[in-house]
Amino acid sequence: MILKLYQGLKEDGLQVSISQLCTWFGVARRSVYYRPTKAAPRVNPRFAEPIKKLIEEQPSFGYRTVAWLLGFNKNTVQRIFQLKGWQGECQELCVSERAHAVFRYVQASKRPANIMAS
């Protein structure tokens, strides 16, 4: 806000310092220049190495199973899975299970037209 005001006054030919504007409006000068930055996420190798080793041995394990087996927090393991791009392999459903499977998301083209919204 202060910088926009400063630029506007400068374009109009008025020379007012940023510190003077901050004094007039009661704003701390450091807040005008502050630019928050978020640190890049880092993975602790102390956690990543045993997780990777376990995934290579049993690729079908998901983050919950890995967290339980290693005694780590499941949120930490899930975050490492996401950052490293690791994902457990899904097991194929057999024909009888596939016939009874409930799919959470149905394609719009395959939905019945007579479903009433509740």
N, C-alpha and C. Protein backbone atom coordinates (compact mmCIF):
# COMPACT_ATOMS: atom_id res chain seq x y z
N MET A 1 0.82 -1.18 0.00
CA MET A 1 0.00 0.00 0.00
C MET A 1 0.88 1.26 0.00
N ILE A 2 1.85 1.27 0.88
CA ILE A 2 2.74 2.43 0.98
C ILE A 2 3.55 2.59 -0.31
N LEU A 3 4.02 1.48 -0.87
CA LEU A 3 4.81 1.56 -2.10
C LEU A 3 3.98 2.06 -3.27
N LYS A 4 2.71 1.66 -3.34
CA LYS A 4 1.83 2.16 -4.41
C LYS A 4 1.60 3.65 -4.25
N LEU A 5 1.40 4.07 -3.01
CA LEU A 5 1.21 5.50 -2.74
C LEU A 5 2.48 6.27 -3.09
N TYR A 6 3.62 5.70 -2.75
CA TYR A 6 4.91 6.33 -3.07
C TYR A 6 5.08 6.48 -4.59
N GLN A 7 4.75 5.43 -5.33
CA GLN A 7 4.85 5.49 -6.79
C GLN A 7 3.90 6.53 -7.37
N GLY A 8 2.67 6.58 -6.83
CA GLY A 8 1.69 7.56 -7.32
C GLY A 8 2.14 8.98 -7.07
N LEU A 9 2.68 9.25 -5.89
CA LEU A 9 3.18 10.59 -5.59
C LEU A 9 4.38 10.94 -6.45
N LYS A 10 5.22 9.95 -6.73
CA LYS A 10 6.41 10.18 -7.56
C LYS A 10 6.00 10.53 -8.99
N GLU A 11 4.96 9.86 -9.50
CA GLU A 11 4.47 10.15 -10.85
C GLU A 11 3.85 11.55 -10.93
N ASP A 12 3.24 11.99 -9.82
CA ASP A 12 2.65 13.33 -9.78
C ASP A 12 3.69 14.42 -9.57
N GLY A 13 4.92 14.05 -9.34
CA GLY A 13 5.99 15.02 -9.18
C GLY A 13 6.29 15.39 -7.74
N LEU A 14 5.66 14.72 -6.79
CA LEU A 14 5.93 14.99 -5.38
C LEU A 14 6.99 14.04 -4.86
N GLN A 15 7.99 14.59 -4.20
CA GLN A 15 9.07 13.78 -3.67
C GLN A 15 8.89 13.61 -2.17
N VAL A 16 8.33 12.45 -1.76
CA VAL A 16 8.13 12.14 -0.35
C VAL A 16 8.83 10.81 -0.10
N SER A 17 9.61 10.74 0.97
CA SER A 17 10.35 9.51 1.25
C SER A 17 9.39 8.45 1.81
N ILE A 18 9.81 7.20 1.65
CA ILE A 18 9.01 6.08 2.15
C ILE A 18 8.94 6.14 3.67
N SER A 19 10.04 6.52 4.32
CA SER A 19 10.03 6.60 5.78
C SER A 19 9.06 7.69 6.26
N GLN A 20 8.95 8.77 5.52
CA GLN A 20 8.00 9.84 5.89
C GLN A 20 6.56 9.35 5.73
N LEU A 21 6.28 8.62 4.65
CA LEU A 21 4.94 8.06 4.45
C LEU A 21 4.60 7.08 5.56
N CYS A 22 5.56 6.26 5.94
CA CYS A 22 5.34 5.29 7.02
C CYS A 22 5.03 6.01 8.33
N THR A 23 5.73 7.12 8.58
CA THR A 23 5.48 7.90 9.80
C THR A 23 4.07 8.49 9.77
N TRP A 24 3.67 9.03 8.63
CA TRP A 24 2.35 9.64 8.52
C TRP A 24 1.23 8.63 8.75
N PHE A 25 1.40 7.43 8.22
CA PHE A 25 0.33 6.42 8.30
C PHE A 25 0.50 5.46 9.47
N GLY A 26 1.56 5.64 10.25
CA GLY A 26 1.76 4.79 11.43
C GLY A 26 2.08 3.35 11.09
N VAL A 27 2.85 3.15 10.04
CA VAL A 27 3.22 1.81 9.60
C VAL A 27 4.72 1.63 9.83
N ALA A 28 5.10 0.47 10.33
CA ALA A 28 6.52 0.19 10.52
C ALA A 28 7.21 0.09 9.15
N ARG A 29 8.37 0.70 9.06
CA ARG A 29 9.07 0.75 7.78
C ARG A 29 9.50 -0.64 7.31
N ARG A 30 9.87 -1.51 8.25
CA ARG A 30 10.32 -2.85 7.85
C ARG A 30 9.18 -3.67 7.25
N SER A 31 7.93 -3.35 7.63
CA SER A 31 6.81 -4.10 7.05
C SER A 31 6.57 -3.73 5.59
N VAL A 32 7.06 -2.57 5.17
CA VAL A 32 6.91 -2.16 3.77
C VAL A 32 7.82 -3.00 2.87
N TYR A 33 8.99 -3.31 3.35
CA TYR A 33 9.97 -4.03 2.55
C TYR A 33 9.91 -5.54 2.74
N TYR A 34 9.14 -6.00 3.72
CA TYR A 34 9.13 -7.43 4.05
C TYR A 34 8.49 -8.24 2.94
N ARG A 35 9.16 -9.28 2.50
CA ARG A 35 8.63 -10.23 1.52
C ARG A 35 8.74 -11.62 2.11
N PRO A 36 7.63 -12.21 2.52
CA PRO A 36 7.71 -13.55 3.12
C PRO A 36 8.14 -14.58 2.10
N THR A 37 9.01 -15.45 2.51
CA THR A 37 9.45 -16.54 1.64
C THR A 37 9.28 -17.85 2.39
N LYS A 38 8.83 -18.84 1.68
CA LYS A 38 8.64 -20.15 2.28
C LYS A 38 9.82 -21.03 1.87
N ALA A 39 10.41 -21.67 2.85
CA ALA A 39 11.56 -22.53 2.57
C ALA A 39 11.10 -23.75 1.78
N ALA A 40 11.96 -24.22 0.92
CA ALA A 40 11.66 -25.43 0.15
C ALA A 40 11.60 -26.62 1.10
N PRO A 41 10.65 -27.52 0.88
CA PRO A 41 10.54 -28.67 1.78
C PRO A 41 11.77 -29.57 1.66
N ARG A 42 12.25 -30.01 2.81
CA ARG A 42 13.42 -30.89 2.84
C ARG A 42 13.03 -32.23 3.43
N VAL A 43 13.70 -33.25 2.98
CA VAL A 43 13.46 -34.60 3.49
C VAL A 43 14.66 -35.02 4.32
N ASN A 44 14.40 -35.43 5.53
CA ASN A 44 15.46 -35.88 6.42
C ASN A 44 15.90 -37.28 5.99
N PRO A 45 17.17 -37.47 5.64
CA PRO A 45 17.63 -38.80 5.20
C PRO A 45 17.47 -39.87 6.27
N ARG A 46 17.42 -39.45 7.53
CA ARG A 46 17.23 -40.41 8.61
C ARG A 46 15.89 -41.14 8.47
N PHE A 47 14.89 -40.44 7.92
CA PHE A 47 13.59 -41.06 7.69
C PHE A 47 13.49 -41.68 6.30
N ALA A 48 14.06 -41.01 5.30
CA ALA A 48 13.88 -41.43 3.91
C ALA A 48 14.56 -42.76 3.60
N GLU A 49 15.74 -42.99 4.15
CA GLU A 49 16.48 -44.22 3.82
C GLU A 49 15.76 -45.49 4.26
N PRO A 50 15.29 -45.59 5.52
CA PRO A 50 14.58 -46.82 5.89
C PRO A 50 13.25 -46.98 5.14
N ILE A 51 12.60 -45.86 4.82
CA ILE A 51 11.34 -45.94 4.07
C ILE A 51 11.61 -46.49 2.68
N LYS A 52 12.64 -45.97 2.01
CA LYS A 52 12.97 -46.43 0.66
C LYS A 52 13.35 -47.91 0.68
N LYS A 53 14.10 -48.31 1.67
CA LYS A 53 14.52 -49.71 1.77
C LYS A 53 13.30 -50.62 1.91
N LEU A 54 12.35 -50.22 2.75
CA LEU A 54 11.15 -51.02 2.96
C LEU A 54 10.27 -51.05 1.71
N ILE A 55 10.19 -49.94 1.00
CA ILE A 55 9.38 -49.90 -0.23
C ILE A 55 10.00 -50.79 -1.30
N GLU A 56 11.32 -50.82 -1.39
CA GLU A 56 11.97 -51.67 -2.38
C GLU A 56 11.75 -53.14 -2.07
N GLU A 57 11.69 -53.49 -0.78
CA GLU A 57 11.43 -54.88 -0.40
C GLU A 57 9.98 -55.26 -0.64
N GLN A 58 9.07 -54.38 -0.27
CA GLN A 58 7.63 -54.64 -0.39
C GLN A 58 6.96 -53.44 -1.08
N PRO A 59 6.94 -53.41 -2.41
CA PRO A 59 6.39 -52.24 -3.10
C PRO A 59 4.88 -52.06 -2.93
N SER A 60 4.18 -53.07 -2.43
CA SER A 60 2.73 -52.93 -2.26
C SER A 60 2.36 -52.20 -0.98
N PHE A 61 3.31 -51.93 -0.11
CA PHE A 61 3.02 -51.25 1.15
C PHE A 61 2.74 -49.78 0.89
N GLY A 62 1.71 -49.27 1.53
CA GLY A 62 1.40 -47.85 1.47
C GLY A 62 2.04 -47.12 2.63
N TYR A 63 1.74 -45.84 2.73
CA TYR A 63 2.41 -45.04 3.77
C TYR A 63 1.97 -45.43 5.17
N ARG A 64 0.74 -45.88 5.35
CA ARG A 64 0.29 -46.26 6.69
C ARG A 64 1.00 -47.52 7.18
N THR A 65 1.12 -48.50 6.29
CA THR A 65 1.80 -49.74 6.66
C THR A 65 3.28 -49.47 6.95
N VAL A 66 3.90 -48.68 6.10
CA VAL A 66 5.32 -48.34 6.29
C VAL A 66 5.51 -47.61 7.61
N ALA A 67 4.62 -46.67 7.90
CA ALA A 67 4.73 -45.91 9.15
C ALA A 67 4.58 -46.83 10.35
N TRP A 68 3.65 -47.77 10.28
CA TRP A 68 3.43 -48.68 11.40
C TRP A 68 4.62 -49.62 11.59
N LEU A 69 5.16 -50.14 10.49
CA LEU A 69 6.28 -51.07 10.59
C LEU A 69 7.55 -50.39 11.11
N LEU A 70 7.78 -49.16 10.69
CA LEU A 70 8.99 -48.46 11.11
C LEU A 70 8.81 -47.68 12.41
N GLY A 71 7.58 -47.52 12.85
CA GLY A 71 7.34 -46.77 14.08
C GLY A 71 7.43 -45.27 13.89
N PHE A 72 7.22 -44.80 12.66
CA PHE A 72 7.25 -43.37 12.38
C PHE A 72 5.82 -42.82 12.39
N ASN A 73 5.71 -41.51 12.46
CA ASN A 73 4.42 -40.86 12.35
C ASN A 73 3.93 -40.99 10.91
N LYS A 74 2.65 -41.34 10.74
CA LYS A 74 2.14 -41.58 9.39
C LYS A 74 2.12 -40.30 8.55
N ASN A 75 1.96 -39.14 9.20
CA ASN A 75 1.98 -37.89 8.45
C ASN A 75 3.37 -37.60 7.89
N THR A 76 4.40 -37.93 8.65
CA THR A 76 5.77 -37.75 8.19
C THR A 76 6.05 -38.66 7.00
N VAL A 77 5.61 -39.91 7.11
CA VAL A 77 5.84 -40.87 6.03
C VAL A 77 5.06 -40.46 4.79
N GLN A 78 3.83 -39.99 4.96
CA GLN A 78 3.03 -39.56 3.82
C GLN A 78 3.68 -38.36 3.13
N ARG A 79 4.21 -37.42 3.90
CA ARG A 79 4.87 -36.26 3.31
C ARG A 79 6.10 -36.67 2.52
N ILE A 80 6.87 -37.63 3.05
CA ILE A 80 8.05 -38.11 2.33
C ILE A 80 7.64 -38.82 1.05
N PHE A 81 6.57 -39.62 1.11
CA PHE A 81 6.05 -40.28 -0.09
C PHE A 81 5.72 -39.23 -1.16
N GLN A 82 5.05 -38.16 -0.75
CA GLN A 82 4.64 -37.13 -1.71
C GLN A 82 5.84 -36.38 -2.28
N LEU A 83 6.79 -36.01 -1.42
CA LEU A 83 7.94 -35.24 -1.89
C LEU A 83 8.84 -36.06 -2.80
N LYS A 84 9.00 -37.33 -2.51
CA LYS A 84 9.87 -38.19 -3.32
C LYS A 84 9.15 -38.78 -4.53
N GLY A 85 7.82 -38.68 -4.56
CA GLY A 85 7.06 -39.24 -5.68
C GLY A 85 6.91 -40.74 -5.59
N TRP A 86 6.99 -41.30 -4.40
CA TRP A 86 6.85 -42.74 -4.21
C TRP A 86 5.38 -43.05 -4.02
N GLN A 87 4.97 -44.21 -4.52
CA GLN A 87 3.59 -44.63 -4.35
C GLN A 87 3.56 -46.14 -4.32
N GLY A 88 2.78 -46.70 -3.42
CA GLY A 88 2.66 -48.14 -3.34
C GLY A 88 1.94 -48.70 -4.56
N GLU A 89 2.31 -49.91 -4.95
CA GLU A 89 1.66 -50.54 -6.10
C GLU A 89 0.31 -51.08 -5.68
N CYS A 90 -0.70 -50.88 -6.52
CA CYS A 90 -2.03 -51.38 -6.23
C CYS A 90 -2.13 -52.83 -6.65
N GLN A 91 -2.90 -53.60 -5.88
CA GLN A 91 -3.13 -54.99 -6.23
C GLN A 91 -4.29 -55.06 -7.21
N GLU A 92 -4.18 -55.95 -8.18
CA GLU A 92 -5.25 -56.14 -9.16
C GLU A 92 -6.43 -56.83 -8.49
N LEU A 93 -7.62 -56.36 -8.79
CA LEU A 93 -8.83 -57.01 -8.29
C LEU A 93 -9.15 -58.20 -9.18
N CYS A 94 -9.58 -59.30 -8.56
CA CYS A 94 -10.00 -60.43 -9.37
C CYS A 94 -11.39 -60.13 -9.93
N VAL A 95 -11.86 -60.94 -10.85
CA VAL A 95 -13.11 -60.66 -11.55
C VAL A 95 -14.28 -60.57 -10.58
N SER A 96 -14.35 -61.48 -9.61
CA SER A 96 -15.49 -61.46 -8.70
C SER A 96 -15.45 -60.22 -7.80
N GLU A 97 -14.27 -59.81 -7.37
CA GLU A 97 -14.17 -58.61 -6.55
C GLU A 97 -14.46 -57.36 -7.37
N ARG A 98 -14.04 -57.34 -8.63
CA ARG A 98 -14.26 -56.18 -9.48
C ARG A 98 -15.76 -55.98 -9.72
N ALA A 99 -16.50 -57.09 -9.82
CA ALA A 99 -17.93 -56.98 -10.05
C ALA A 99 -18.63 -56.36 -8.85
N HIS A 100 -18.08 -56.55 -7.65
CA HIS A 100 -18.69 -56.02 -6.44
C HIS A 100 -18.01 -54.76 -5.93
N ALA A 101 -17.04 -54.27 -6.67
CA ALA A 101 -16.31 -53.09 -6.22
C ALA A 101 -17.20 -51.86 -6.27
N VAL A 102 -17.01 -50.98 -5.32
CA VAL A 102 -17.75 -49.72 -5.29
C VAL A 102 -16.77 -48.63 -5.68
N PHE A 103 -17.03 -47.96 -6.78
CA PHE A 103 -16.15 -46.92 -7.25
C PHE A 103 -16.61 -45.59 -6.68
N ARG A 104 -15.70 -44.84 -6.11
CA ARG A 104 -16.06 -43.59 -5.45
C ARG A 104 -16.46 -42.52 -6.45
N TYR A 105 -15.80 -42.46 -7.59
CA TYR A 105 -16.07 -41.41 -8.55
C TYR A 105 -16.52 -42.05 -9.85
N VAL A 106 -17.74 -41.77 -10.22
CA VAL A 106 -18.30 -42.33 -11.44
C VAL A 106 -18.22 -41.25 -12.51
N GLN A 107 -17.87 -41.66 -13.72
CA GLN A 107 -17.80 -40.70 -14.81
C GLN A 107 -19.19 -40.13 -15.06
N ALA A 108 -19.24 -38.86 -15.42
CA ALA A 108 -20.53 -38.20 -15.63
C ALA A 108 -21.31 -38.85 -16.77
N SER A 109 -20.61 -39.36 -17.79
CA SER A 109 -21.30 -39.97 -18.92
C SER A 109 -21.94 -41.30 -18.57
N LYS A 110 -21.46 -41.96 -17.50
CA LYS A 110 -21.99 -43.27 -17.13
C LYS A 110 -23.02 -43.19 -16.00
N ARG A 111 -23.28 -42.00 -15.47
CA ARG A 111 -24.26 -41.85 -14.40
C ARG A 111 -25.67 -41.98 -14.97
N PRO A 112 -26.59 -42.58 -14.21
CA PRO A 112 -27.98 -42.63 -14.66
C PRO A 112 -28.56 -41.22 -14.68
N ALA A 113 -29.41 -40.95 -15.65
CA ALA A 113 -29.97 -39.61 -15.81
C ALA A 113 -31.09 -39.34 -14.82
N ASN A 114 -31.65 -40.38 -14.18
CA ASN A 114 -32.81 -40.18 -13.33
C ASN A 114 -32.45 -39.99 -11.85
N ILE A 115 -31.21 -39.71 -11.53
CA ILE A 115 -30.82 -39.48 -10.14
C ILE A 115 -31.26 -38.07 -9.76
N MET A 116 -31.98 -38.00 -8.65
CA MET A 116 -32.46 -36.69 -8.20
C MET A 116 -31.48 -36.15 -7.17
N ALA A 117 -31.21 -34.87 -7.25
CA ALA A 117 -30.31 -34.23 -6.29
C ALA A 117 -31.03 -34.07 -4.97
N SER A 118 -30.32 -34.33 -3.90
CA SER A 118 -30.95 -34.19 -2.58
C SER A 118 -30.56 -32.90 -1.93
